[in-house]
C-alpha atoms as a PDB file:
ATOM      1  CA  MET A   1       0.041   0.031  -0.004  1.00  0.00           C
ATOM      2  CA  ALA A   2       1.596   3.342  -1.152  1.00  0.00           C
ATOM      3  CA  GLU A   3       1.488   6.247   1.276  1.00  0.00           C
ATOM      4  CA  ALA A   4      -0.223   9.282   0.026  1.00  0.00           C
ATOM      5  CA  SER A   5       2.114  12.282  -0.016  1.00  0.00           C
ATOM      6  CA  TYR A   6       1.199  15.050   2.419  1.00  0.00           C
ATOM      7  CA  ARG A   7       0.308  18.367   0.925  1.00  0.00           C
ATOM      8  CA  PRO A   8       0.067  21.519   3.285  1.00  0.00           C
ATOM      9  CA  GLN A   9      -3.337  23.033   3.391  1.00  0.00           C
ATOM     10  CA  PRO A  10      -3.778  26.521   2.398  1.00  0.00           C
ATOM     11  CA  LEU A  11      -3.288  29.091   5.127  1.00  0.00           C
ATOM     12  CA  LYS A  12      -6.455  30.307   6.611  1.00  0.00           C
ATOM     13  CA  GLY A  13      -7.217  33.982   7.477  1.00  0.00           C
ATOM     14  CA  TRP A  14      -8.167  33.086  11.010  1.00  0.00           C
ATOM     15  CA  TYR A  15      -4.646  31.820  11.537  1.00  0.00           C
ATOM     16  CA  TRP A  16      -3.422  35.355  11.740  1.00  0.00           C
ATOM     17  CA  MET A  17      -6.213  36.176  14.268  1.00  0.00           C
ATOM     18  CA  GLY A  18      -5.089  33.253  16.430  1.00  0.00           C
ATOM     19  CA  ALA A  19      -1.383  34.141  16.134  1.00  0.00           C
ATOM     20  CA  ILE A  20      -2.106  37.756  17.138  1.00  0.00           C
ATOM     21  CA  ALA A  21      -4.496  36.732  19.990  1.00  0.00           C
ATOM     22  CA  THR A  22      -1.723  34.473  21.280  1.00  0.00           C
ATOM     23  CA  LEU A  23       0.834  37.273  21.177  1.00  0.00           C
ATOM     24  CA  VAL A  24      -1.578  39.575  23.018  1.00  0.00           C
ATOM     25  CA  PHE A  25      -2.191  37.065  25.753  1.00  0.00           C
ATOM     26  CA  MET A  26       1.507  36.287  26.146  1.00  0.00           C
ATOM     27  CA  VAL A  27       2.335  40.075  26.313  1.00  0.00           C
ATOM     28  CA  ILE A  28      -0.269  40.355  29.034  1.00  0.00           C
ATOM     29  CA  GLY A  29       1.353  37.402  30.827  1.00  0.00           C
ATOM     30  CA  VAL A  30       4.873  39.131  30.606  1.00  0.00           C
ATOM     31  CA  LEU A  31       3.520  42.377  31.866  1.00  0.00           C
ATOM     32  CA  GLY A  32       1.947  40.541  34.795  1.00  0.00           C
ATOM     33  CA  TYR A  33       5.150  38.788  35.507  1.00  0.00           C
ATOM     34  CA  LEU A  34       7.063  42.084  35.485  1.00  0.00           C
ATOM     35  CA  ALA A  35       4.485  43.649  37.813  1.00  0.00           C
ATOM     36  CA  THR A  36       4.758  40.872  40.090  1.00  0.00           C
ATOM     37  CA  VAL A  37       8.558  40.729  40.410  1.00  0.00           C
ATOM     38  CA  THR A  38       8.906  44.603  40.628  1.00  0.00           C
ATOM     39  CA  ALA A  39       5.996  45.103  42.974  1.00  0.00           C
ATOM     40  CA  ASP A  40       7.015  46.617  46.438  1.00  0.00           C
ATOM     41  CA  PRO A  41       5.400  44.236  48.950  1.00  0.00           C
ATOM     42  CA  ALA A  42       4.526  47.200  51.130  1.00  0.00           C
ATOM     43  CA  SER A  43       2.348  48.692  48.341  1.00  0.00           C
ATOM     44  CA  VAL A  44      -0.009  45.869  48.195  1.00  0.00           C
ATOM     45  CA  PRO A  45      -2.835  44.912  50.735  1.00  0.00           C
ATOM     46  CA  ALA A  46      -1.944  42.892  53.754  1.00  0.00           C
ATOM     47  CA  ASP A  47      -3.542  39.733  52.415  1.00  0.00           C
ATOM     48  CA  GLN A  48      -1.677  39.968  49.194  1.00  0.00           C
ATOM     49  CA  GLN A  49       1.514  40.468  51.154  1.00  0.00           C
ATOM     50  CA  ALA A  50       0.884  37.261  53.057  1.00  0.00           C
ATOM     51  CA  LEU A  51       0.247  35.359  49.874  1.00  0.00           C
ATOM     52  CA  MET A  52       3.425  36.745  48.277  1.00  0.00           C
ATOM     53  CA  ALA A  53       5.465  35.676  51.418  1.00  0.00           C
ATOM     54  CA  ALA A  54       3.866  32.218  51.282  1.00  0.00           C
ATOM     55  CA  MET A  55       4.815  31.518  47.739  1.00  0.00           C
ATOM     56  CA  PRO A  56       8.012  29.311  47.221  1.00  0.00           C
ATOM     57  CA  LYS A  57      10.908  30.972  45.494  1.00  0.00           C
ATOM     58  CA  TRP A  58      10.834  28.472  42.657  1.00  0.00           C
ATOM     59  CA  GLN A  59       7.413  29.566  41.746  1.00  0.00           C
ATOM     60  CA  THR A  60       8.974  32.901  40.376  1.00  0.00           C
ATOM     61  CA  ALA A  61      11.303  30.999  38.297  1.00  0.00           C
ATOM     62  CA  VAL A  62       8.588  28.786  36.832  1.00  0.00           C
ATOM     63  CA  TYR A  63       6.447  31.882  36.229  1.00  0.00           C
ATOM     64  CA  ALA A  64       9.295  33.417  34.236  1.00  0.00           C
ATOM     65  CA  ILE A  65       9.701  30.179  32.082  1.00  0.00           C
ATOM     66  CA  ALA A  66       6.006  30.244  31.458  1.00  0.00           C
ATOM     67  CA  VAL A  67       5.722  33.805  30.233  1.00  0.00           C
ATOM     68  CA  TRP A  68       9.021  34.268  28.240  1.00  0.00           C
ATOM     69  CA  SER A  69       8.816  30.979  26.482  1.00  0.00           C
ATOM     70  CA  GLY A  70       5.113  31.805  25.691  1.00  0.00           C
ATOM     71  CA  LEU A  71       6.239  35.149  24.297  1.00  0.00           C
ATOM     72  CA  VAL A  72       8.846  33.638  22.082  1.00  0.00           C
ATOM     73  CA  GLY A  73       6.365  30.897  21.023  1.00  0.00           C
ATOM     74  CA  ALA A  74       3.917  33.469  20.034  1.00  0.00           C
ATOM     75  CA  ILE A  75       6.445  35.400  17.946  1.00  0.00           C
ATOM     76  CA  GLY A  76       7.272  32.155  16.361  1.00  0.00           C
ATOM     77  CA  LEU A  77       3.553  31.803  15.311  1.00  0.00           C
ATOM     78  CA  LEU A  78       3.628  35.207  13.879  1.00  0.00           C
ATOM     79  CA  LEU A  79       6.902  34.168  11.901  1.00  0.00           C
ATOM     80  CA  ARG A  80       5.152  30.675  11.054  1.00  0.00           C
ATOM     81  CA  ARG A  81       8.081  28.828  12.579  1.00  0.00           C
ATOM     82  CA  ARG A  82       7.781  25.283  14.086  1.00  0.00           C
ATOM     83  CA  PHE A  83       9.685  26.196  17.139  1.00  0.00           C
ATOM     84  CA  ALA A  84       6.587  27.770  18.436  1.00  0.00           C
ATOM     85  CA  VAL A  85       5.097  24.344  19.280  1.00  0.00           C
ATOM     86  CA  PRO A  86       7.623  23.171  21.854  1.00  0.00           C
ATOM     87  CA  LEU A  87       7.983  26.708  23.308  1.00  0.00           C
ATOM     88  CA  LEU A  88       4.159  26.848  23.761  1.00  0.00           C
ATOM     89  CA  LEU A  89       4.237  23.470  25.381  1.00  0.00           C
ATOM     90  CA  LEU A  90       6.896  24.686  27.780  1.00  0.00           C
ATOM     91  CA  SER A  91       4.684  27.718  28.477  1.00  0.00           C
ATOM     92  CA  LEU A  92       1.779  25.441  29.267  1.00  0.00           C
ATOM     93  CA  ILE A  93       3.860  23.318  31.692  1.00  0.00           C
ATOM     94  CA  GLY A  94       5.259  26.570  33.158  1.00  0.00           C
ATOM     95  CA  ALA A  95       1.746  27.897  33.660  1.00  0.00           C
ATOM     96  CA  ILE A  96       0.617  24.692  35.398  1.00  0.00           C
ATOM     97  CA  GLY A  97       3.807  24.948  37.609  1.00  0.00           C
ATOM     98  CA  THR A  98       3.069  28.655  38.379  1.00  0.00           C
ATOM     99  CA  PHE A  99      -0.273  27.667  40.000  1.00  0.00           C
ATOM    100  CA  LEU A 100       0.902  24.474  41.558  1.00  0.00           C
ATOM    101  CA  PRO A 101       1.587  25.995  45.039  1.00  0.00           C
ATOM    102  CA  PHE A 102      -2.071  26.703  45.279  1.00  0.00           C
ATOM    103  CA  ALA A 103      -2.799  22.993  45.046  1.00  0.00           C
ATOM    104  CA  ILE A 104       0.074  21.561  47.036  1.00  0.00           C
ATOM    105  CA  LEU A 105       1.012  24.058  49.712  1.00  0.00           C
ATOM    106  CA  PRO A 106      -1.474  24.320  52.594  1.00  0.00           C
ATOM    107  CA  ARG A 107      -0.544  27.839  53.540  1.00  0.00           C
ATOM    108  CA  VAL A 108      -0.881  29.094  50.000  1.00  0.00           C
ATOM    109  CA  ARG A 109      -4.146  27.259  49.618  1.00  0.00           C
ATOM    110  CA  GLU A 110      -5.432  28.907  52.873  1.00  0.00           C
ATOM    111  CA  LEU A 111      -4.493  32.451  51.652  1.00  0.00           C
ATOM    112  CA  ALA A 112      -5.674  31.969  48.099  1.00  0.00           C
ATOM    113  CA  THR A 113      -9.045  33.568  46.968  1.00  0.00           C
ATOM    114  CA  GLU A 114     -11.523  32.425  44.644  1.00  0.00           C
ATOM    115  CA  ALA A 115     -10.214  34.914  42.127  1.00  0.00           C
ATOM    116  CA  ASN A 116      -6.864  33.046  42.245  1.00  0.00           C
ATOM    117  CA  GLY A 117      -8.530  29.760  41.293  1.00  0.00           C
ATOM    118  CA  VAL A 118     -10.491  31.368  38.425  1.00  0.00           C
ATOM    119  CA  ALA A 119      -7.255  32.956  37.206  1.00  0.00           C
ATOM    120  CA  ALA A 120      -5.481  29.690  37.272  1.00  0.00           C
ATOM    121  CA  VAL A 121      -8.184  27.887  35.250  1.00  0.00           C
ATOM    122  CA  ILE A 122      -8.430  30.885  32.670  1.00  0.00           C
ATOM    123  CA  VAL A 123      -4.584  31.051  32.250  1.00  0.00           C
ATOM    124  CA  ILE A 124      -3.996  27.317  31.995  1.00  0.00           C
ATOM    125  CA  GLY A 125      -6.899  27.014  29.518  1.00  0.00           C
ATOM    126  CA  LEU A 126      -5.588  29.746  27.342  1.00  0.00           C
ATOM    127  CA  CYS A 127      -2.063  28.285  27.441  1.00  0.00           C
ATOM    128  CA  TRP A 128      -3.542  24.868  26.421  1.00  0.00           C
ATOM    129  CA  THR A 129      -5.342  26.738  23.472  1.00  0.00           C
ATOM    130  CA  SER A 130      -2.198  28.414  22.463  1.00  0.00           C
ATOM    131  CA  PHE A 131      -0.304  25.137  22.433  1.00  0.00           C
ATOM    132  CA  TRP A 132      -3.106  23.232  20.584  1.00  0.00           C
ATOM    133  CA  PHE A 133      -3.323  26.103  18.073  1.00  0.00           C
ATOM    134  CA  ALA A 134       0.536  25.935  17.369  1.00  0.00           C
ATOM    135  CA  ARG A 135       0.290  22.055  17.104  1.00  0.00           C
ATOM    136  CA  HIS A 136      -2.729  22.211  14.764  1.00  0.00           C
ATOM    137  CA  SER A 137      -0.958  24.832  12.672  1.00  0.00           C
ATOM    138  CA  ALA A 138       2.139  22.607  12.485  1.00  0.00           C
ATOM    139  CA  GLN A 139       0.095  19.475  11.435  1.00  0.00           C
ATOM    140  CA  ARG A 140      -1.544  21.649   8.662  1.00  0.00           C
ATOM    141  CA  GLY A 141       1.806  22.571   7.268  1.00  0.00           C
ATOM    142  CA  TRP A 142       1.440  26.277   8.169  1.00  0.00           C
ATOM    143  CA  LEU A 143       4.707  26.413  10.164  1.00  0.00           C
ATOM    144  CA  ARG A 144       8.031  25.966   8.624  1.00  0.00           C
END
């Protein structure tokens, strides 16, 4: 049985909307990260100060990996490059790791609000969608 040769599908217009939306989401993530690491703890409410103090130091590193790999991956989508796929997967894994303290550390869980849980679900969902979009685009032959 002979294998049919694969031919890339024509690039769809919605590809660019998805790539731009991914870039906007990742830029917002980078801005959130920069706001977090440059924030003066004294300038935030006491409950947020306690949450910041309860977070493990490794969480900041994982957060950085999530946002910076996501930003480069989103730029890769705009450039239609395959390297976007593993970078957006790394961003997804980093996003999961960023919110992991809320699930595994009792003190963090105790200080977390419902908004923290909602944010985790939204961010992880959007990171999954970005990764899926990149993978789908690579499978369609839209990434080089």
